[in-house]
Amino acid sequence: MLQVIEHFRHLTMELTASATVPANFLQAALRRPIRPHKAPESWRILLVDNDDQDRDVLEKNLLRQGHEVRGVSTGANALDAYEDADLIVLGLELSDLDGLEICRAIRTACDVPIIAVTACSSEVDTVLGLQAGADDFVVKPFGFRELTARIDAVMRRVRPQSRTPGTIEHGPLRIDAGSREVTYAGQRIRLTRKEFDLLQFLASHPRTVIARDVVMEQIWGGSCSRRTVDTHVSSIRTKLGSSDWIVTVRGVGFMIGEA
């Protein structure tokens, strides 16, 4: 047995000696900067937290993953900014307004995904957060990996499936379903999540009038007002620079137009 062990010891030494590793390899590896992780899909994330330090750390880490992040510290600012977000990470302990009320208000207005964050770990707090409209719930302190895993899971569940795979080109208007980007004459047009869904839905049915009720059901799941639809249509027209891109057929609905 001792002879066998000695044989393998000599064999290991020979293999090690035959491997040529530069002397400065480890030093170079240690000096090499860590490359930011690029998320498979990037999102516009609204980060709401009254703790400046926690918010700054999360914001920097999310930016490193390739997301667009806007950080705010108050409920009032969150209510002003939520329409531009694909996802909201909402701290419930806010200085000006009740975080649960903010969650309810946003959920009443739209179906943007919300991950509630709190320092309270009781079952009652979790239930209240979910009942207020949160899609998921995380308790401080938490690891960044846990948060990103929850973001990925929530977005897999709630994001609308592409109704028209690939790219729609309509004159100078280009709608990329994969990257969820809209360009006009080569210039990127920044749309909110619902604005993109609405424009893509209409553009995927050219020369077809889509009934208002169908639009409300397909884009908002039926949980919106006529005013909400009109507001989004008006915003898209403004961003595209012409009211002709979305035609209103009085008493019926909408269709994609020409500009």
Protein backbone atom coordinates (compact mmCIF):
# COMPACT_ATOMS: atom_id res chain seq x y z
CA MET A 1 0.00 0.00 0.00
CA LEU A 2 2.79 2.41 0.88
CA GLN A 3 4.37 1.74 -2.51
CA VAL A 4 1.11 2.61 -4.29
CA ILE A 5 0.77 5.88 -2.33
CA GLU A 6 4.37 6.80 -3.07
CA HIS A 7 3.80 6.09 -6.78
CA PHE A 8 0.85 8.47 -6.97
CA ARG A 9 2.75 11.12 -5.02
CA HIS A 10 5.58 11.06 -7.56
CA LEU A 11 3.08 11.07 -10.44
CA THR A 12 1.32 14.13 -9.05
CA MET A 13 4.62 15.97 -8.63
CA GLU A 14 5.58 15.19 -12.23
CA LEU A 15 2.26 16.46 -13.62
CA THR A 16 2.54 19.63 -11.56
CA ALA A 17 6.09 20.25 -12.71
CA SER A 18 5.10 19.79 -16.35
CA ALA A 19 2.42 22.50 -16.17
CA THR A 20 3.83 25.89 -17.06
CA VAL A 21 1.98 28.67 -15.24
CA PRO A 22 3.39 32.20 -15.53
CA ALA A 23 4.76 33.46 -12.25
CA ASN A 24 2.67 36.59 -12.41
CA PHE A 25 -0.59 34.79 -13.26
CA LEU A 26 -2.20 35.10 -9.83
CA GLN A 27 -1.11 38.71 -9.42
CA ALA A 28 -2.57 39.59 -12.83
CA ALA A 29 -5.80 37.76 -12.03
CA LEU A 30 -6.16 39.61 -8.75
CA ARG A 31 -5.60 42.96 -10.47
CA ARG A 32 -8.10 42.20 -13.25
CA PRO A 33 -11.31 44.20 -12.69
CA ILE A 34 -14.52 42.28 -12.17
CA ARG A 35 -16.73 42.69 -15.21
CA PRO A 36 -20.26 43.81 -14.41
CA HIS A 37 -22.84 41.08 -14.84
CA LYS A 38 -25.16 41.90 -17.73
CA ALA A 39 -28.69 40.72 -17.05
CA PRO A 40 -30.18 38.56 -19.83
CA GLU A 41 -32.93 41.18 -19.99
CA SER A 42 -32.70 44.67 -18.60
CA TRP A 43 -35.59 46.50 -16.97
CA ARG A 44 -36.45 50.01 -15.94
CA ILE A 45 -36.60 49.67 -12.17
CA LEU A 46 -38.05 52.21 -9.75
CA LEU A 47 -36.32 51.83 -6.39
CA VAL A 48 -38.25 53.37 -3.48
CA ASP A 49 -36.48 53.45 -0.11
CA ASN A 50 -36.09 56.17 2.50
CA ASP A 51 -32.73 54.74 3.63
CA ASP A 52 -30.25 56.60 1.42
CA GLN A 53 -27.41 54.16 2.04
CA ASP A 54 -29.44 51.03 1.29
CA ARG A 55 -30.96 52.64 -1.78
CA ASP A 56 -27.59 53.76 -3.16
CA VAL A 57 -26.07 50.29 -2.72
CA LEU A 58 -28.99 48.58 -4.43
CA GLU A 59 -29.03 51.15 -7.21
CA LYS A 60 -25.34 50.65 -7.98
CA ASN A 61 -25.67 46.86 -8.00
CA LEU A 62 -28.72 46.93 -10.26
CA LEU A 63 -26.97 49.33 -12.63
CA ARG A 64 -24.01 46.93 -12.79
CA GLN A 65 -26.43 44.26 -14.00
CA GLY A 66 -27.49 46.43 -16.90
CA HIS A 67 -30.81 47.70 -15.57
CA GLU A 68 -31.99 51.30 -15.78
CA VAL A 69 -32.64 52.44 -12.23
CA ARG A 70 -34.34 55.46 -10.75
CA GLY A 71 -34.08 55.82 -6.99
CA VAL A 72 -36.52 57.89 -4.92
CA SER A 73 -36.91 58.30 -1.18
CA THR A 74 -40.58 59.25 -0.71
CA GLY A 75 -44.00 57.92 -1.51
CA ALA A 76 -44.91 61.14 -3.30
CA ASN A 77 -41.97 60.75 -5.66
CA ALA A 78 -42.92 57.13 -6.25
CA LEU A 79 -46.42 58.16 -7.32
CA ASP A 80 -44.88 60.62 -9.79
CA ALA A 81 -42.47 58.07 -11.30
CA TYR A 82 -44.17 54.66 -11.37
CA GLU A 83 -45.60 54.96 -14.91
CA ASP A 84 -42.14 54.81 -16.46
CA ALA A 85 -41.11 51.64 -14.61
CA ASP A 86 -41.14 48.00 -15.68
CA LEU A 87 -40.75 46.96 -12.04
CA ILE A 88 -40.98 48.67 -8.65
CA VAL A 89 -38.94 47.68 -5.59
CA LEU A 90 -41.03 49.41 -2.93
CA GLY A 91 -39.83 49.97 0.63
CA LEU A 92 -42.88 50.09 2.88
CA GLU A 93 -41.30 52.20 5.64
CA LEU A 94 -41.49 55.68 4.10
CA SER A 95 -41.22 59.06 5.79
CA ASP A 96 -44.16 60.82 4.13
CA LEU A 97 -46.81 58.25 3.22
CA ASP A 98 -47.83 54.75 4.23
CA GLY A 99 -46.02 52.27 1.98
CA LEU A 100 -49.03 49.95 1.87
CA GLU A 101 -51.22 52.81 0.65
CA ILE A 102 -48.65 53.62 -2.03
CA CYS A 103 -48.73 49.98 -3.10
CA ARG A 104 -52.54 49.98 -3.27
CA ALA A 105 -52.63 53.24 -5.22
CA ILE A 106 -50.16 51.98 -7.84
CA ARG A 107 -51.89 48.62 -8.13
CA THR A 108 -55.24 50.35 -8.65
CA ALA A 109 -53.77 52.47 -11.44
CA CYS A 110 -51.85 49.74 -13.28
CA ASP A 111 -50.41 46.23 -13.11
CA VAL A 112 -46.71 47.08 -12.96
CA PRO A 113 -44.90 44.36 -10.93
CA ILE A 114 -44.14 45.36 -7.32
CA ILE A 115 -41.70 43.74 -4.90
CA ALA A 116 -42.39 45.02 -1.40
CA VAL A 117 -39.45 45.46 0.97
CA THR A 118 -39.80 45.79 4.74
CA ALA A 119 -37.90 45.31 7.97
CA CYS A 120 -40.94 43.61 9.53
CA SER A 121 -40.78 39.84 9.29
CA SER A 122 -44.13 38.72 10.73
CA GLU A 123 -46.61 36.70 8.73
CA VAL A 124 -49.19 39.47 9.14
CA ASP A 125 -46.88 42.00 7.46
CA THR A 126 -46.30 39.65 4.55
CA VAL A 127 -50.02 39.05 4.11
CA LEU A 128 -50.80 42.79 4.26
CA GLY A 129 -48.16 43.54 1.62
CA LEU A 130 -49.47 40.88 -0.74
CA GLN A 131 -53.06 41.97 -0.17
CA ALA A 132 -52.06 45.56 -0.97
CA GLY A 133 -51.03 44.41 -4.43
CA ALA A 134 -47.37 43.37 -4.15
CA ASP A 135 -46.30 40.50 -6.41
CA ASP A 136 -43.56 39.41 -4.01
CA PHE A 137 -42.25 40.29 -0.59
CA VAL A 138 -38.70 40.44 0.81
CA VAL A 139 -37.59 41.14 4.37
CA LYS A 140 -34.52 43.18 5.35
CA PRO A 141 -31.73 42.30 5.66
CA PHE A 142 -31.57 40.34 2.42
CA GLY A 143 -28.83 39.37 -0.01
CA PHE A 144 -28.57 41.01 -3.40
CA ARG A 145 -28.67 37.60 -5.09
CA GLU A 146 -32.00 36.90 -3.44
CA LEU A 147 -33.43 40.19 -4.70
CA THR A 148 -32.24 39.62 -8.27
CA ALA A 149 -33.65 36.09 -8.21
CA ARG A 150 -37.00 37.47 -7.08
CA ILE A 151 -36.90 40.16 -9.78
CA ASP A 152 -36.25 37.53 -12.45
CA ALA A 153 -39.01 35.28 -11.10
CA VAL A 154 -41.57 38.08 -10.93
CA MET A 155 -40.79 39.31 -14.43
CA ARG A 156 -41.10 35.78 -15.83
CA ARG A 157 -44.56 35.51 -14.33
CA VAL A 158 -46.04 38.89 -15.11
CA ARG A 159 -44.45 40.22 -18.29
CA PRO A 160 -46.71 39.92 -21.32
CA GLN A 161 -45.69 37.33 -23.86
CA SER A 162 -44.73 38.76 -27.22
CA ARG A 163 -47.83 38.58 -29.37
CA THR A 164 -45.77 39.24 -32.47
CA PRO A 165 -42.27 37.71 -32.31
CA GLY A 166 -39.43 39.55 -33.95
CA THR A 167 -39.68 43.05 -35.33
CA ILE A 168 -42.53 45.11 -36.76
CA GLU A 169 -41.55 47.74 -39.29
CA HIS A 170 -44.15 50.31 -40.23
CA GLY A 171 -42.56 52.97 -42.40
CA PRO A 172 -39.93 54.76 -40.27
CA LEU A 173 -41.40 53.15 -37.14
CA ARG A 174 -39.63 50.02 -35.90
CA ILE A 175 -40.88 47.95 -32.96
CA ASP A 176 -38.55 45.28 -31.61
CA ALA A 177 -40.49 42.76 -29.54
CA GLY A 178 -37.37 41.03 -28.26
CA SER A 179 -35.63 44.09 -26.80
CA ARG A 180 -38.92 45.94 -26.29
CA GLU A 181 -37.50 49.00 -28.02
CA VAL A 182 -39.15 51.42 -30.40
CA THR A 183 -37.22 53.53 -32.87
CA TYR A 184 -38.45 56.21 -35.25
CA ALA A 185 -36.21 57.06 -38.17
CA GLY A 186 -33.37 55.42 -36.25
CA GLN A 187 -33.95 57.39 -33.05
CA ARG A 188 -34.98 55.49 -29.93
CA ILE A 189 -38.37 56.45 -28.51
CA ARG A 190 -38.67 55.89 -24.77
CA LEU A 191 -42.07 54.38 -23.97
CA THR A 192 -43.46 53.08 -20.71
CA ARG A 193 -44.24 49.38 -20.47
CA LYS A 194 -47.94 49.84 -21.19
CA GLU A 195 -47.29 52.32 -23.98
CA PHE A 196 -45.05 49.76 -25.67
CA ASP A 197 -47.64 47.00 -25.23
CA LEU A 198 -50.38 49.21 -26.69
CA LEU A 199 -48.35 50.37 -29.69
CA GLN A 200 -47.12 46.85 -30.44
CA PHE A 201 -50.64 45.45 -30.19
CA LEU A 202 -52.05 47.98 -32.64
CA ALA A 203 -49.09 47.69 -35.02
CA SER A 204 -49.42 43.91 -35.11
CA HIS A 205 -52.90 44.36 -36.63
CA PRO A 206 -52.34 46.78 -39.54
CA ARG A 207 -55.38 48.19 -41.36
CA THR A 208 -57.57 46.84 -38.57
CA VAL A 209 -59.70 48.80 -36.14
CA ILE A 210 -59.31 47.35 -32.64
CA ALA A 211 -62.31 47.88 -30.39
CA ARG A 212 -61.64 49.93 -27.27
CA ASP A 213 -62.93 47.09 -25.06
CA VAL A 214 -60.51 44.67 -26.72
CA VAL A 215 -57.62 47.07 -26.10
CA MET A 216 -58.61 47.45 -22.45
CA GLU A 217 -58.82 43.68 -22.01
CA GLN A 218 -55.60 42.80 -23.87
CA ILE A 219 -53.37 45.48 -22.42
CA TRP A 220 -54.85 46.10 -18.96
CA GLY A 221 -56.77 42.91 -18.32
CA GLY A 222 -59.98 44.94 -18.27
CA SER A 223 -58.90 46.78 -15.10
CA CYS A 224 -58.61 50.30 -16.44
CA SER A 225 -60.76 53.28 -17.35
CA ARG A 226 -61.41 54.84 -20.75
CA ARG A 227 -59.41 57.82 -19.52
CA THR A 228 -56.38 55.59 -18.92
CA VAL A 229 -56.50 54.32 -22.50
CA ASP A 230 -56.90 57.84 -23.92
CA THR A 231 -54.00 59.11 -21.79
CA HIS A 232 -51.69 56.39 -23.08
CA VAL A 233 -52.75 56.96 -26.69
CA SER A 234 -52.12 60.70 -26.33
CA SER A 235 -48.69 60.08 -24.77
CA ILE A 236 -47.65 57.73 -27.61
CA ARG A 237 -48.75 60.27 -30.22
CA THR A 238 -46.74 62.98 -28.50
CA LYS A 239 -43.61 60.83 -28.29
CA LEU A 240 -43.88 59.80 -31.95
CA GLY A 241 -44.36 63.42 -32.96
CA SER A 242 -47.68 63.01 -34.72
CA SER A 243 -51.30 62.22 -33.85
CA ASP A 244 -51.60 60.29 -37.13
CA TRP A 245 -49.74 57.26 -35.79
CA ILE A 246 -52.77 56.14 -33.79
CA VAL A 247 -56.14 56.79 -35.40
CA THR A 248 -59.23 57.04 -33.22
CA VAL A 249 -62.33 55.64 -34.87
CA ARG A 250 -65.12 57.34 -32.98
CA GLY A 251 -67.41 54.96 -31.18
CA VAL A 252 -65.33 51.93 -32.10
CA GLY A 253 -61.68 51.98 -31.12
CA PHE A 254 -58.19 52.51 -32.52
CA MET A 255 -55.94 51.47 -35.37
CA ILE A 256 -52.33 52.02 -36.31
CA GLY A 257 -52.01 54.82 -38.83
CA GLU A 258 -49.47 56.43 -41.11
CA ALA A 259 -47.49 59.57 -40.46
